[in-house]
Amino acid sequence: MTAEADVLGELQRLRARVPQLTGGLAASTDGLVIASDSGEAEGVAALTAAALGVALRLTEATGRGDFRELLVRGEHGYVASYAAGRSAVLTLLADERINVGRLHLEARRSGARIGELLDTALDRPQEA
């Protein structure tokens, strides 16, 4: 099984645990989709990369340390992004009825798992 398939499996398990999630994707920090279980993945990944850039500058400028997560609340729900290893980010879409504490709990765990999967894949020597 490839890292991308494993990441997609983790996204699907997360959606099963948190039914108020309406979409999710894992992307590289520069906005390339790794795995997605929802539409419009490329656009959301690109916007995530842009928001991540601002969040990184903000945490650096305010002395808050490394990026961990970003939560945006809109009229119809939430967009949440979580660090996923050294070079990826997990972005989730949730409806307005979600318990934000539960969202953070489950998404942080999934972000850590996805980060482990991707970091391990990056550390493996490439076969010729």
Protein backbone atom coordinates (compact mmCIF):
# COMPACT_ATOMS: atom_id res chain seq x y z
CA MET A 1 0.00 0.00 0.00
CA THR A 2 1.33 3.45 -0.86
CA ALA A 3 1.60 6.33 1.56
CA GLU A 4 -1.14 8.15 -0.36
CA ALA A 5 -3.52 5.20 0.04
CA ASP A 6 -2.69 4.99 3.75
CA VAL A 7 -3.36 8.72 4.15
CA LEU A 8 -6.68 8.41 2.32
CA GLY A 9 -7.60 5.55 4.66
CA GLU A 10 -6.85 7.75 7.66
CA LEU A 11 -9.02 10.53 6.22
CA GLN A 12 -11.88 8.07 5.75
CA ARG A 13 -11.54 6.74 9.31
CA LEU A 14 -11.53 10.31 10.64
CA ARG A 15 -14.72 11.10 8.71
CA ALA A 16 -16.33 7.96 10.16
CA ARG A 17 -15.43 9.03 13.72
CA VAL A 18 -16.58 12.64 13.23
CA PRO A 19 -19.76 12.66 11.11
CA GLN A 20 -19.98 16.48 11.05
CA LEU A 21 -16.92 16.60 8.81
CA THR A 22 -17.91 17.38 5.24
CA GLY A 23 -14.52 17.05 3.56
CA GLY A 24 -10.84 16.62 4.13
CA LEU A 25 -7.48 16.54 2.46
CA ALA A 26 -3.82 16.13 3.15
CA ALA A 27 -1.52 18.37 1.16
CA SER A 28 2.11 19.32 1.04
CA THR A 29 2.93 22.63 2.66
CA ASP A 30 3.35 24.11 -0.82
CA GLY A 31 -0.21 23.20 -1.79
CA LEU A 32 0.03 19.91 -3.69
CA VAL A 33 -2.74 17.41 -2.91
CA ILE A 34 -1.52 14.14 -1.38
CA ALA A 35 -4.93 12.59 -0.65
CA SER A 36 -8.49 13.89 -0.59
CA ASP A 37 -11.97 12.56 0.03
CA SER A 38 -13.82 15.64 -1.17
CA GLY A 39 -14.21 17.81 -4.25
CA GLU A 40 -12.30 20.99 -5.04
CA ALA A 41 -9.16 19.54 -3.47
CA GLU A 42 -6.65 21.45 -5.61
CA GLY A 43 -8.18 24.84 -4.83
CA VAL A 44 -8.50 24.10 -1.12
CA ALA A 45 -4.91 22.81 -0.99
CA ALA A 46 -3.63 25.99 -2.66
CA LEU A 47 -5.59 28.20 -0.26
CA THR A 48 -4.35 26.10 2.66
CA ALA A 49 -0.76 26.74 1.57
CA ALA A 50 -1.43 30.48 1.42
CA ALA A 51 -3.10 30.49 4.86
CA LEU A 52 -0.27 28.37 6.24
CA GLY A 53 2.26 30.93 5.02
CA VAL A 54 0.45 33.70 6.89
CA ALA A 55 0.06 31.51 10.00
CA LEU A 56 3.78 30.67 10.01
CA ARG A 57 4.72 34.34 9.77
CA LEU A 58 2.23 35.24 12.49
CA THR A 59 3.46 32.60 14.95
CA GLU A 60 7.06 33.59 14.24
CA ALA A 61 6.41 37.33 14.62
CA THR A 62 4.59 36.83 17.91
CA GLY A 63 7.04 34.29 19.34
CA ARG A 64 4.44 31.50 19.53
CA GLY A 65 6.66 28.74 18.15
CA ASP A 66 6.02 26.28 15.35
CA PHE A 67 2.68 26.08 13.55
CA ARG A 68 0.27 23.57 15.05
CA GLU A 69 -3.22 24.43 13.78
CA LEU A 70 -5.45 27.06 12.23
CA LEU A 71 -9.23 27.37 12.67
CA VAL A 72 -11.49 29.57 10.55
CA ARG A 73 -15.17 29.89 11.38
CA GLY A 74 -17.54 30.91 8.63
CA GLU A 75 -21.27 31.45 8.58
CA HIS A 76 -21.87 27.85 7.48
CA GLY A 77 -19.11 25.98 9.28
CA TYR A 78 -15.41 25.62 9.88
CA VAL A 79 -12.18 25.15 7.97
CA ALA A 80 -9.44 23.71 10.16
CA SER A 81 -5.82 22.96 9.25
CA TYR A 82 -3.40 20.92 11.34
CA ALA A 83 0.32 20.22 11.06
CA ALA A 84 0.95 16.73 9.67
CA GLY A 85 4.61 15.93 9.99
CA ARG A 86 7.52 17.87 8.54
CA SER A 87 6.07 18.78 5.18
CA ALA A 88 2.31 18.28 5.12
CA VAL A 89 -0.91 19.72 6.46
CA LEU A 90 -4.33 18.20 7.14
CA THR A 91 -7.27 20.45 6.21
CA LEU A 92 -10.82 19.61 7.25
CA LEU A 93 -14.20 21.11 6.44
CA ALA A 94 -16.89 20.84 9.11
CA ASP A 95 -20.48 21.94 9.42
CA GLU A 96 -21.52 24.54 11.98
CA ARG A 97 -22.89 21.94 14.43
CA ILE A 98 -19.53 20.30 15.12
CA ASN A 99 -18.15 20.13 18.63
CA VAL A 100 -14.90 22.06 18.10
CA GLY A 101 -13.18 20.32 21.02
CA ARG A 102 -13.93 16.93 19.46
CA LEU A 103 -12.75 18.24 16.09
CA HIS A 104 -9.41 19.27 17.58
CA LEU A 105 -8.99 16.01 19.52
CA GLU A 106 -9.63 13.75 16.54
CA ALA A 107 -7.87 15.93 13.95
CA ARG A 108 -4.71 16.31 16.03
CA ARG A 109 -4.48 12.52 16.31
CA SER A 110 -5.09 12.04 12.59
CA GLY A 111 -2.62 14.78 11.71
CA ALA A 112 0.03 13.02 13.79
CA ARG A 113 -0.71 9.67 12.09
CA ILE A 114 -0.63 11.23 8.64
CA GLY A 115 2.62 12.98 9.51
CA GLU A 116 4.17 9.67 10.59
CA LEU A 117 3.06 7.97 7.36
CA LEU A 118 4.42 10.73 5.14
CA ASP A 119 7.63 11.35 7.08
CA THR A 120 8.38 7.60 7.01
CA ALA A 121 7.76 7.51 3.26
CA LEU A 122 10.08 10.51 2.76
CA ASP A 123 12.80 8.88 4.86
CA ARG A 124 12.71 5.59 2.91
CA PRO A 125 15.40 5.26 0.26
CA GLN A 126 13.92 5.56 -3.21
CA GLU A 127 14.08 2.36 -5.28
CA ALA A 128 15.63 2.72 -8.74
